[in-house]
PDB file of N, CA and C in Angstrom:
ATOM      1  N   UNK A   1     -14.108  14.064   7.479  1.00  0.00           N
ATOM      2  CA  UNK A   1     -12.960  14.592   6.702  1.00  0.00           C
ATOM      3  C   UNK A   1     -12.508  15.906   7.426  1.00  0.00           C
ATOM      4  N   UNK A   2     -11.366  15.960   7.992  1.00  0.00           N
ATOM      5  CA  UNK A   2     -10.887  17.083   8.783  1.00  0.00           C
ATOM      6  C   UNK A   2     -10.238  18.011   7.780  1.00  0.00           C
ATOM      7  N   UNK A   3     -10.566  19.328   8.178  1.00  0.00           N
ATOM      8  CA  UNK A   3      -9.944  20.353   7.427  1.00  0.00           C
ATOM      9  C   UNK A   3      -8.580  20.859   7.998  1.00  0.00           C
ATOM     10  N   UNK A   4      -7.615  21.050   7.212  1.00  0.00           N
ATOM     11  CA  UNK A   4      -6.329  21.493   7.689  1.00  0.00           C
ATOM     12  C   UNK A   4      -6.280  22.981   7.515  1.00  0.00           C
ATOM     13  N   UNK A   5      -6.308  23.710   8.681  1.00  0.00           N
ATOM     14  CA  UNK A   5      -6.184  25.097   8.663  1.00  0.00           C
ATOM     15  C   UNK A   5      -4.702  25.521   8.830  1.00  0.00           C
ATOM     16  N   UNK A   6      -4.322  26.505   8.134  1.00  0.00           N
ATOM     17  CA  UNK A   6      -2.977  27.028   8.250  1.00  0.00           C
ATOM     18  C   UNK A   6      -2.781  27.958   9.489  1.00  0.00           C
ATOM     19  N   UNK A   7      -1.650  27.808  10.202  1.00  0.00           N
ATOM     20  CA  UNK A   7      -1.409  28.635  11.344  1.00  0.00           C
ATOM     21  C   UNK A   7      -0.896  30.061  10.805  1.00  0.00           C
ATOM     22  N   UNK A   8      -0.992  30.997  11.642  1.00  0.00           N
ATOM     23  CA  UNK A   8      -0.666  32.381  11.333  1.00  0.00           C
ATOM     24  C   UNK A   8       0.688  32.392  10.774  1.00  0.00           C
ATOM     25  N   UNK A   9       1.724  31.729  11.358  1.00  0.00           N
ATOM     26  CA  UNK A   9       3.062  31.650  10.945  1.00  0.00           C
ATOM     27  C   UNK A   9       3.197  31.147   9.561  1.00  0.00           C
ATOM     28  N   UNK A  10       2.500  30.130   9.245  1.00  0.00           N
ATOM     29  CA  UNK A  10       2.449  29.417   7.975  1.00  0.00           C
ATOM     30  C   UNK A  10       1.984  30.363   6.989  1.00  0.00           C
ATOM     31  N   UNK A  11       0.959  31.175   7.272  1.00  0.00           N
ATOM     32  CA  UNK A  11       0.491  32.099   6.311  1.00  0.00           C
ATOM     33  C   UNK A  11       1.485  33.233   6.057  1.00  0.00           C
ATOM     34  N   UNK A  12       2.137  33.612   7.048  1.00  0.00           N
ATOM     35  CA  UNK A  12       3.191  34.682   6.940  1.00  0.00           C
ATOM     36  C   UNK A  12       4.374  34.158   6.050  1.00  0.00           C
ATOM     37  N   UNK A  13       4.789  33.099   6.336  1.00  0.00           N
ATOM     38  CA  UNK A  13       5.735  32.443   5.479  1.00  0.00           C
ATOM     39  C   UNK A  13       5.456  32.348   4.000  1.00  0.00           C
ATOM     40  N   UNK A  14       4.200  32.050   3.746  1.00  0.00           N
ATOM     41  CA  UNK A  14       3.684  31.998   2.391  1.00  0.00           C
ATOM     42  C   UNK A  14       3.610  33.244   1.665  1.00  0.00           C
ATOM     43  N   UNK A  15       3.404  34.375   2.345  1.00  0.00           N
ATOM     44  CA  UNK A  15       3.301  35.677   1.594  1.00  0.00           C
ATOM     45  C   UNK A  15       4.679  36.477   1.712  1.00  0.00           C
ATOM     46  N   UNK A  16       5.684  35.999   2.531  1.00  0.00           N
ATOM     47  CA  UNK A  16       6.847  36.803   2.842  1.00  0.00           C
ATOM     48  C   UNK A  16       7.602  37.072   1.566  1.00  0.00           C
ATOM     49  N   UNK A  17       7.745  36.064   0.604  1.00  0.00           N
ATOM     50  CA  UNK A  17       8.465  36.167  -0.540  1.00  0.00           C
ATOM     51  C   UNK A  17       7.883  37.250  -1.415  1.00  0.00           C
ATOM     52  N   UNK A  18       6.611  37.192  -1.683  1.00  0.00           N
ATOM     53  CA  UNK A  18       5.945  38.153  -2.533  1.00  0.00           C
ATOM     54  C   UNK A  18       5.979  39.621  -1.916  1.00  0.00           C
ATOM     55  N   UNK A  19       5.802  39.697  -0.501  1.00  0.00           N
ATOM     56  CA  UNK A  19       5.937  40.994   0.126  1.00  0.00           C
ATOM     57  C   UNK A  19       7.344  41.484  -0.130  1.00  0.00           C
ATOM     58  N   UNK A  20       8.363  40.721   0.052  1.00  0.00           N
ATOM     59  CA  UNK A  20       9.766  41.215  -0.067  1.00  0.00           C
ATOM     60  C   UNK A  20      10.058  41.738  -1.493  1.00  0.00           C
ATOM     61  N   UNK A  21       9.611  41.019  -2.462  1.00  0.00           N
ATOM     62  CA  UNK A  21       9.629  41.439  -3.889  1.00  0.00           C
ATOM     63  C   UNK A  21       8.971  42.718  -4.180  1.00  0.00           C
ATOM     64  N   UNK A  22       7.830  42.902  -3.637  1.00  0.00           N
ATOM     65  CA  UNK A  22       6.936  44.043  -3.749  1.00  0.00           C
ATOM     66  C   UNK A  22       7.619  45.271  -3.068  1.00  0.00           C
ATOM     67  N   UNK A  23       8.264  45.118  -2.003  1.00  0.00           N
ATOM     68  CA  UNK A  23       8.966  46.191  -1.234  1.00  0.00           C
ATOM     69  C   UNK A  23      10.247  46.535  -2.177  1.00  0.00           C
ATOM     70  N   UNK A  24      10.942  45.627  -2.696  1.00  0.00           N
ATOM     71  CA  UNK A  24      12.049  45.996  -3.461  1.00  0.00           C
ATOM     72  C   UNK A  24      11.573  46.756  -4.709  1.00  0.00           C
ATOM     73  N   UNK A  25      10.484  46.218  -5.356  1.00  0.00           N
ATOM     74  CA  UNK A  25       9.867  46.950  -6.572  1.00  0.00           C
ATOM     75  C   UNK A  25       9.574  48.333  -6.243  1.00  0.00           C
ATOM     76  N   UNK A  26       8.957  48.674  -5.066  1.00  0.00           N
ATOM     77  CA  UNK A  26       8.616  49.939  -4.646  1.00  0.00           C
ATOM     78  C   UNK A  26       9.949  50.776  -4.430  1.00  0.00           C
ATOM     79  N   UNK A  27      10.853  50.164  -3.807  1.00  0.00           N
ATOM     80  CA  UNK A  27      12.131  50.968  -3.638  1.00  0.00           C
ATOM     81  C   UNK A  27      12.805  51.249  -4.933  1.00  0.00           C
ATOM     82  N   UNK A  28      12.774  50.296  -5.908  1.00  0.00           N
ATOM     83  CA  UNK A  28      13.392  50.681  -7.186  1.00  0.00           C
ATOM     84  C   UNK A  28      12.711  51.775  -7.920  1.00  0.00           C
ATOM     85  N   UNK A  29      11.329  51.747  -7.963  1.00  0.00           N
ATOM     86  CA  UNK A  29      10.472  52.668  -8.559  1.00  0.00           C
ATOM     87  C   UNK A  29      10.859  54.064  -8.024  1.00  0.00           C
ATOM     88  N   UNK A  30      10.845  54.102  -6.654  1.00  0.00           N
ATOM     89  CA  UNK A  30      11.093  55.306  -5.918  1.00  0.00           C
ATOM     90  C   UNK A  30      12.494  55.808  -6.267  1.00  0.00           C
ATOM     91  N   UNK A  31      13.462  54.939  -6.389  1.00  0.00           N
ATOM     92  CA  UNK A  31      14.887  55.340  -6.750  1.00  0.00           C
ATOM     93  C   UNK A  31      14.921  56.050  -8.080  1.00  0.00           C
ATOM     94  N   UNK A  32      14.189  55.321  -9.107  1.00  0.00           N
ATOM     95  CA  UNK A  32      14.096  55.846 -10.477  1.00  0.00           C
ATOM     96  C   UNK A  32      13.496  57.232 -10.535  1.00  0.00           C
ATOM     97  N   UNK A  33      12.332  57.466  -9.720  1.00  0.00           N
ATOM     98  CA  UNK A  33      11.741  58.751  -9.771  1.00  0.00           C
ATOM     99  C   UNK A  33      12.681  59.767  -9.027  1.00  0.00           C
ATOM    100  N   UNK A  34      13.255  59.421  -8.021  1.00  0.00           N
ATOM    101  CA  UNK A  34      14.240  60.341  -7.433  1.00  0.00           C
ATOM    102  C   UNK A  34      15.367  60.797  -8.343  1.00  0.00           C
ATOM    103  N   UNK A  35      15.845  60.026  -9.221  1.00  0.00           N
ATOM    104  CA  UNK A  35      16.900  60.238 -10.043  1.00  0.00           C
ATOM    105  C   UNK A  35      16.467  61.322 -11.102  1.00  0.00           C
ATOM    106  N   UNK A  36      15.141  61.294 -11.483  1.00  0.00           N
ATOM    107  CA  UNK A  36      14.540  62.147 -12.423  1.00  0.00           C
ATOM    108  C   UNK A  36      13.947  63.472 -11.777  1.00  0.00           C
ATOM    109  N   UNK A  37      13.930  63.515 -10.556  1.00  0.00           N
ATOM    110  CA  UNK A  37      13.318  64.675  -9.800  1.00  0.00           C
ATOM    111  C   UNK A  37      14.372  65.654  -9.238  1.00  0.00           C
ATOM    112  N   UNK A  38      13.875  66.796  -8.735  1.00  0.00           N
ATOM    113  CA  UNK A  38      14.625  67.732  -8.107  1.00  0.00           C
ATOM    114  C   UNK A  38      13.928  68.132  -6.875  1.00  0.00           C
ATOM    115  N   UNK A  39      14.648  68.822  -5.888  1.00  0.00           N
ATOM    116  CA  UNK A  39      14.104  69.444  -4.721  1.00  0.00           C
ATOM    117  C   UNK A  39      13.366  68.487  -3.798  1.00  0.00           C
ATOM    118  N   UNK A  40      12.262  68.969  -3.321  1.00  0.00           N
ATOM    119  CA  UNK A  40      11.391  68.310  -2.344  1.00  0.00           C
ATOM    120  C   UNK A  40      10.858  66.975  -2.939  1.00  0.00           C
ATOM    121  N   UNK A  41      10.524  66.968  -4.208  1.00  0.00           N
ATOM    122  CA  UNK A  41      10.063  65.765  -4.831  1.00  0.00           C
ATOM    123  C   UNK A  41      11.081  64.633  -4.780  1.00  0.00           C
ATOM    124  N   UNK A  42      12.421  65.119  -4.995  1.00  0.00           N
ATOM    125  CA  UNK A  42      13.509  64.028  -4.925  1.00  0.00           C
ATOM    126  C   UNK A  42      13.687  63.484  -3.605  1.00  0.00           C
ATOM    127  N   UNK A  43      13.632  64.389  -2.589  1.00  0.00           N
ATOM    128  CA  UNK A  43      13.808  64.008  -1.186  1.00  0.00           C
ATOM    129  C   UNK A  43      12.586  63.033  -0.827  1.00  0.00           C
ATOM    130  N   UNK A  44      11.387  63.351  -1.165  1.00  0.00           N
ATOM    131  CA  UNK A  44      10.304  62.520  -0.898  1.00  0.00           C
ATOM    132  C   UNK A  44      10.386  61.096  -1.586  1.00  0.00           C
ATOM    133  N   UNK A  45      10.887  61.029  -2.697  1.00  0.00           N
ATOM    134  CA  UNK A  45      11.168  59.807  -3.448  1.00  0.00           C
ATOM    135  C   UNK A  45      12.115  58.925  -2.802  1.00  0.00           C
ATOM    136  N   UNK A  46      13.331  59.519  -2.231  1.00  0.00           N
ATOM    137  CA  UNK A  46      14.354  58.886  -1.639  1.00  0.00           C
ATOM    138  C   UNK A  46      13.753  58.427  -0.078  1.00  0.00           C
ATOM    139  N   UNK A  47      12.997  59.205   0.471  1.00  0.00           N
ATOM    140  CA  UNK A  47      12.338  58.815   1.612  1.00  0.00           C
ATOM    141  C   UNK A  47      11.434  57.479   1.463  1.00  0.00           C
ATOM    142  N   UNK A  48      10.763  57.331   0.442  1.00  0.00           N
ATOM    143  CA  UNK A  48       9.986  56.219   0.157  1.00  0.00           C
ATOM    144  C   UNK A  48      10.992  55.056  -0.137  1.00  0.00           C
ATOM    145  N   UNK A  49      12.048  55.299  -0.924  1.00  0.00           N
ATOM    146  CA  UNK A  49      12.946  54.172  -1.025  1.00  0.00           C
ATOM    147  C   UNK A  49      13.640  53.633   0.315  1.00  0.00           C
ATOM    148  N   UNK A  50      14.028  54.645   1.033  1.00  0.00           N
ATOM    149  CA  UNK A  50      14.648  54.332   2.354  1.00  0.00           C
ATOM    150  C   UNK A  50      13.696  53.474   3.285  1.00  0.00           C
ATOM    151  N   UNK A  51      12.403  54.093   3.217  1.00  0.00           N
ATOM    152  CA  UNK A  51      11.425  53.409   4.102  1.00  0.00           C
ATOM    153  C   UNK A  51      11.171  51.834   3.628  1.00  0.00           C
ATOM    154  N   UNK A  52      11.120  51.690   2.261  1.00  0.00           N
ATOM    155  CA  UNK A  52      10.925  50.304   1.764  1.00  0.00           C
ATOM    156  C   UNK A  52      12.172  49.472   2.099  1.00  0.00           C
ATOM    157  N   UNK A  53      13.362  49.956   1.828  1.00  0.00           N
ATOM    158  CA  UNK A  53      14.451  49.171   2.179  1.00  0.00           C
ATOM    159  C   UNK A  53      14.686  48.884   3.616  1.00  0.00           C
ATOM    160  N   UNK A  54      14.277  49.900   4.438  1.00  0.00           N
ATOM    161  CA  UNK A  54      14.417  49.716   5.901  1.00  0.00           C
ATOM    162  C   UNK A  54      13.438  48.694   6.404  1.00  0.00           C
ATOM    163  N   UNK A  55      12.217  48.535   5.913  1.00  0.00           N
ATOM    164  CA  UNK A  55      11.309  47.563   6.149  1.00  0.00           C
ATOM    165  C   UNK A  55      11.839  46.231   5.801  1.00  0.00           C
ATOM    166  N   UNK A  56      12.450  46.137   4.645  1.00  0.00           N
ATOM    167  CA  UNK A  56      13.144  44.848   4.113  1.00  0.00           C
ATOM    168  C   UNK A  56      14.091  44.333   5.195  1.00  0.00           C
ATOM    169  N   UNK A  57      14.985  45.270   5.513  1.00  0.00           N
ATOM    170  CA  UNK A  57      16.173  44.943   6.386  1.00  0.00           C
ATOM    171  C   UNK A  57      15.572  44.489   7.759  1.00  0.00           C
ATOM    172  N   UNK A  58      14.728  45.270   8.291  1.00  0.00           N
ATOM    173  CA  UNK A  58      14.301  45.189   9.743  1.00  0.00           C
ATOM    174  C   UNK A  58      13.224  43.931   9.835  1.00  0.00           C
ATOM    175  N   UNK A  59      12.410  43.808   8.811  1.00  0.00           N
ATOM    176  CA  UNK A  59      11.257  42.795   8.923  1.00  0.00           C
ATOM    177  C   UNK A  59      11.436  41.509   8.361  1.00  0.00           C
ATOM    178  N   UNK A  60      12.383  41.486   7.337  1.00  0.00           N
ATOM    179  CA  UNK A  60      12.727  40.332   6.603  1.00  0.00           C
ATOM    180  C   UNK A  60      14.210  40.148   6.352  1.00  0.00           C
ATOM    181  N   UNK A  61      15.007  39.989   7.497  1.00  0.00           N
ATOM    182  CA  UNK A  61      16.404  40.011   7.297  1.00  0.00           C
ATOM    183  C   UNK A  61      16.875  38.763   6.630  1.00  0.00           C
ATOM    184  N   UNK A  62      16.178  37.611   6.769  1.00  0.00           N
ATOM    185  CA  UNK A  62      16.584  36.447   6.035  1.00  0.00           C
ATOM    186  C   UNK A  62      16.345  36.435   4.618  1.00  0.00           C
ATOM    187  N   UNK A  63      15.668  37.435   4.024  1.00  0.00           N
ATOM    188  CA  UNK A  63      15.442  37.510   2.680  1.00  0.00           C
ATOM    189  C   UNK A  63      16.394  38.395   1.902  1.00  0.00           C
ATOM    190  N   UNK A  64      17.237  39.224   2.589  1.00  0.00           N
ATOM    191  CA  UNK A  64      18.145  40.201   2.000  1.00  0.00           C
ATOM    192  C   UNK A  64      19.591  39.704   2.344  1.00  0.00           C
ATOM    193  N   UNK A  65      20.433  40.350   1.442  1.00  0.00           N
ATOM    194  CA  UNK A  65      21.903  40.348   1.666  1.00  0.00           C
ATOM    195  C   UNK A  65      22.301  41.858   1.883  1.00  0.00           C
ATOM    196  N   UNK A  66      23.174  42.094   2.861  1.00  0.00           N
ATOM    197  CA  UNK A  66      23.721  43.396   2.981  1.00  0.00           C
ATOM    198  C   UNK A  66      25.224  43.265   2.750  1.00  0.00           C
ATOM    199  N   UNK A  67      25.759  44.236   1.918  1.00  0.00           N
ATOM    200  CA  UNK A  67      27.163  44.260   1.722  1.00  0.00           C
ATOM    201  C   UNK A  67      27.477  45.645   1.653  1.00  0.00           C
ATOM    202  N   UNK A  68      28.853  45.926   2.293  1.00  0.00           N
ATOM    203  CA  UNK A  68      29.292  47.226   2.306  1.00  0.00           C
ATOM    204  C   UNK A  68      29.689  47.707   0.856  1.00  0.00           C
ATOM    205  N   UNK A  69      29.530  49.011   0.643  1.00  0.00           N
ATOM    206  CA  UNK A  69      29.956  49.530  -0.655  1.00  0.00           C
ATOM    207  C   UNK A  69      31.401  50.081  -0.374  1.00  0.00           C
ATOM    208  N   UNK A  70      32.331  49.628  -1.118  1.00  0.00           N
ATOM    209  CA  UNK A  70      33.619  50.009  -0.972  1.00  0.00           C
ATOM    210  C   UNK A  70      34.010  51.415  -1.503  1.00  0.00           C
ATOM    211  N   UNK A  71      33.120  52.029  -2.352  1.00  0.00           N
ATOM    212  CA  UNK A  71      33.362  53.390  -2.869  1.00  0.00           C
ATOM    213  C   UNK A  71      32.591  54.302  -2.029  1.00  0.00           C
ATOM    214  N   UNK A  72      31.283  54.126  -1.840  1.00  0.00           N
ATOM    215  CA  UNK A  72      30.478  55.008  -1.064  1.00  0.00           C
ATOM    216  C   UNK A  72      30.355  54.359   0.423  1.00  0.00           C
ATOM    217  N   UNK A  73      31.358  54.750   1.191  1.00  0.00           N
ATOM    218  CA  UNK A  73      31.587  54.095   2.495  1.00  0.00           C
ATOM    219  C   UNK A  73      30.408  54.371   3.595  1.00  0.00           C
ATOM    220  N   UNK A  74      29.691  55.316   3.288  1.00  0.00           N
ATOM    221  CA  UNK A  74      28.455  55.678   4.250  1.00  0.00           C
ATOM    222  C   UNK A  74      27.230  54.790   3.832  1.00  0.00           C
ATOM    223  N   UNK A  75      27.364  53.996   2.789  1.00  0.00           N
ATOM    224  CA  UNK A  75      26.234  53.156   2.416  1.00  0.00           C
ATOM    225  C   UNK A  75      26.422  51.635   2.310  1.00  0.00           C
ATOM    226  N   UNK A  76      25.385  50.913   2.484  1.00  0.00           N
ATOM    227  CA  UNK A  76      25.434  49.447   2.328  1.00  0.00           C
ATOM    228  C   UNK A  76      24.578  49.268   1.027  1.00  0.00           C
ATOM    229  N   UNK A  77      24.757  48.117   0.432  1.00  0.00           N
ATOM    230  CA  UNK A  77      23.927  47.625  -0.754  1.00  0.00           C
ATOM    231  C   UNK A  77      22.985  46.543  -0.259  1.00  0.00           C
ATOM    232  N   UNK A  78      21.752  46.812  -0.381  1.00  0.00           N
ATOM    233  CA  UNK A  78      20.663  45.844  -0.046  1.00  0.00           C
ATOM    234  C   UNK A  78      20.136  45.178  -1.219  1.00  0.00           C
ATOM    235  N   UNK A  79      20.211  43.845  -1.229  1.00  0.00           N
ATOM    236  CA  UNK A  79      19.619  43.087  -2.308  1.00  0.00           C
ATOM    237  C   UNK A  79      18.933  41.845  -1.907  1.00  0.00           C
ATOM    238  N   UNK A  80      17.895  41.562  -2.598  1.00  0.00           N
ATOM    239  CA  UNK A  80      17.261  40.317  -2.224  1.00  0.00           C
ATOM    240  C   UNK A  80      18.148  39.120  -2.520  1.00  0.00           C
ATOM    241  N   UNK A  81      18.041  38.079  -1.762  1.00  0.00           N
ATOM    242  CA  UNK A  81      18.863  36.919  -1.975  1.00  0.00           C
ATOM    243  C   UNK A  81      18.533  36.271  -3.400  1.00  0.00           C
ATOM    244  N   UNK A  82      19.509  35.859  -3.974  1.00  0.00           N
ATOM    245  CA  UNK A  82      19.381  35.133  -5.279  1.00  0.00           C
ATOM    246  C   UNK A  82      19.141  36.063  -6.495  1.00  0.00           C
ATOM    247  N   UNK A  83      19.697  37.392  -6.139  1.00  0.00           N
ATOM    248  CA  UNK A  83      19.516  38.371  -7.246  1.00  0.00           C
ATOM    249  C   UNK A  83      20.889  39.028  -7.313  1.00  0.00           C
ATOM    250  N   UNK A  84      21.125  39.677  -8.387  1.00  0.00           N
ATOM    251  CA  UNK A  84      22.426  40.372  -8.469  1.00  0.00           C
ATOM    252  C   UNK A  84      22.194  41.963  -8.487  1.00  0.00           C
ATOM    253  N   UNK A  85      20.982  42.406  -8.208  1.00  0.00           N
ATOM    254  CA  UNK A  85      20.649  43.811  -8.236  1.00  0.00           C
ATOM    255  C   UNK A  85      20.368  44.308  -6.843  1.00  0.00           C
ATOM    256  N   UNK A  86      21.017  45.366  -6.399  1.00  0.00           N
ATOM    257  CA  UNK A  86      20.772  45.986  -5.184  1.00  0.00           C
ATOM    258  C   UNK A  86      20.636  47.413  -5.170  1.00  0.00           C
ATOM    259  N   UNK A  87      20.317  48.057  -4.071  1.00  0.00           N
ATOM    260  CA  UNK A  87      20.187  49.453  -4.014  1.00  0.00           C
ATOM    261  C   UNK A  87      20.869  49.964  -2.797  1.00  0.00           C
ATOM    262  N   UNK A  88      21.391  51.132  -2.867  1.00  0.00           N
ATOM    263  CA  UNK A  88      22.178  51.689  -1.764  1.00  0.00           C
ATOM    264  C   UNK A  88      21.153  52.204  -0.712  1.00  0.00           C
ATOM    265  N   UNK A  89      21.656  51.958   0.700  1.00  0.00           N
ATOM    266  CA  UNK A  89      21.008  52.372   1.742  1.00  0.00           C
ATOM    267  C   UNK A  89      21.873  52.846   2.764  1.00  0.00           C
ATOM    268  N   UNK A  90      21.715  54.136   3.315  1.00  0.00           N
ATOM    269  CA  UNK A  90      22.579  54.766   4.301  1.00  0.00           C
ATOM    270  C   UNK A  90      22.776  53.836   5.574  1.00  0.00           C
ATOM    271  N   UNK A  91      24.050  53.712   5.959  1.00  0.00           N
ATOM    272  CA  UNK A  91      24.366  52.907   7.088  1.00  0.00           C
ATOM    273  C   UNK A  91      23.706  53.507   8.319  1.00  0.00           C
ATOM    274  N   UNK A  92      23.667  54.833   8.374  1.00  0.00           N
ATOM    275  CA  UNK A  92      23.062  55.445   9.459  1.00  0.00           C
ATOM    276  C   UNK A  92      21.507  55.051   9.737  1.00  0.00           C
ATOM    277  N   UNK A  93      20.935  54.657   8.738  1.00  0.00           N
ATOM    278  CA  UNK A  93      19.570  54.208   8.857  1.00  0.00           C
ATOM    279  C   UNK A  93      19.393  52.701   9.372  1.00  0.00           C
ATOM    280  N   UNK A  94      20.466  52.052   9.515  1.00  0.00           N
ATOM    281  CA  UNK A  94      20.276  50.562   9.993  1.00  0.00           C
ATOM    282  C   UNK A  94      20.111  50.705  11.504  1.00  0.00           C
TER     283      UNK A  94
END
Protein backbone atom coordinates (compact mmCIF):
# COMPACT_ATOMS: atom_id res chain seq x y z
CA UNK A 1 0.00 0.00 0.00
CA UNK A 2 1.68 3.16 -1.22
CA UNK A 3 1.34 6.33 0.79
CA UNK A 4 0.57 9.52 -1.07
CA UNK A 5 2.66 12.42 0.23
CA UNK A 6 1.69 15.95 -0.57
CA UNK A 7 4.16 18.15 -2.37
CA UNK A 8 5.25 21.45 -0.90
CA UNK A 9 3.13 23.38 -3.42
CA UNK A 10 0.07 21.28 -2.56
CA UNK A 11 0.54 22.04 1.11
CA UNK A 12 0.91 25.76 0.36
CA UNK A 13 -2.26 25.78 -1.72
CA UNK A 14 -4.11 24.07 1.11
CA UNK A 15 -3.21 26.69 3.72
CA UNK A 16 -3.30 29.77 1.49
CA UNK A 17 -7.02 30.47 1.95
CA UNK A 18 -6.80 30.29 5.73
CA UNK A 19 -3.65 32.43 5.77
CA UNK A 20 -5.24 35.11 3.60
CA UNK A 21 -8.30 35.21 5.85
CA UNK A 22 -6.09 35.49 8.94
CA UNK A 23 -4.11 38.36 7.40
CA UNK A 24 -7.33 40.22 6.56
CA UNK A 25 -8.61 39.61 10.09
CA UNK A 26 -5.35 41.01 11.49
CA UNK A 27 -5.64 44.07 9.23
CA UNK A 28 -9.26 44.68 10.30
CA UNK A 29 -8.38 44.39 13.98
CA UNK A 30 -5.44 46.80 13.59
CA UNK A 31 -7.68 49.21 11.67
CA UNK A 32 -10.25 49.16 14.46
CA UNK A 33 -7.56 49.78 17.08
CA UNK A 34 -6.09 52.62 15.04
CA UNK A 35 -9.46 54.35 14.83
CA UNK A 36 -9.75 54.27 18.64
CA UNK A 37 -6.15 55.34 19.36
CA UNK A 38 -4.08 58.49 19.12
CA UNK A 39 -0.46 59.39 18.52
CA UNK A 40 2.21 56.72 18.36
CA UNK A 41 -0.22 53.91 19.16
CA UNK A 42 -2.37 54.91 16.21
CA UNK A 43 0.60 54.98 13.86
CA UNK A 44 1.76 51.58 15.13
CA UNK A 45 -1.69 50.09 14.55
CA UNK A 46 -1.80 51.48 11.01
CA UNK A 47 1.69 50.06 10.39
CA UNK A 48 0.39 46.61 11.37
CA UNK A 49 -2.62 47.08 9.06
CA UNK A 50 -0.45 48.14 6.13
CA UNK A 51 1.97 45.28 6.77
CA UNK A 52 -0.82 42.71 6.71
CA UNK A 53 -2.44 44.18 3.59
CA UNK A 54 0.94 44.49 1.89
CA UNK A 55 1.63 40.82 2.53
CA UNK A 56 -1.75 39.91 1.06
CA UNK A 57 -1.16 41.95 -2.08
CA UNK A 58 2.43 40.83 -2.65
CA UNK A 59 2.32 37.18 -1.60
CA UNK A 60 -1.26 36.18 -2.47
CA UNK A 61 -2.34 38.38 -5.39
CA UNK A 62 -4.73 35.72 -6.71
CA UNK A 63 -6.74 35.93 -3.48
CA UNK A 64 -7.36 39.70 -3.47
CA UNK A 65 -9.11 42.31 -5.57
CA UNK A 66 -7.69 45.82 -5.80
CA UNK A 67 -9.82 48.74 -6.86
CA UNK A 68 -9.18 52.45 -6.91
CA UNK A 69 -11.03 54.60 -4.43
CA UNK A 70 -12.69 57.40 -6.38
CA UNK A 71 -12.85 59.71 -3.34
CA UNK A 72 -9.50 59.00 -1.66
CA UNK A 73 -7.36 58.99 -4.79
CA UNK A 74 -4.13 58.14 -2.93
CA UNK A 75 -5.61 54.82 -1.80
CA UNK A 76 -6.78 51.54 -3.23
CA UNK A 77 -9.27 49.23 -1.60
CA UNK A 78 -7.96 45.73 -0.89
CA UNK A 79 -10.56 43.02 -0.43
CA UNK A 80 -10.51 39.27 -0.40
CA UNK A 81 -12.22 37.77 -3.41
CA UNK A 82 -15.87 36.79 -2.88
CA UNK A 83 -16.34 39.38 -0.12
CA UNK A 84 -17.78 42.87 -0.20
CA UNK A 85 -15.62 44.26 2.57
CA UNK A 86 -12.27 45.89 1.93
CA UNK A 87 -9.73 48.12 3.60
CA UNK A 88 -7.89 51.16 2.30
CA UNK A 89 -4.23 50.76 1.41
CA UNK A 90 -1.94 53.60 0.26
CA UNK A 91 -1.04 53.38 -3.42
CA UNK A 92 2.50 54.43 -2.58
CA UNK A 93 2.96 51.15 -0.65
CA UNK A 94 2.23 49.00 -3.72
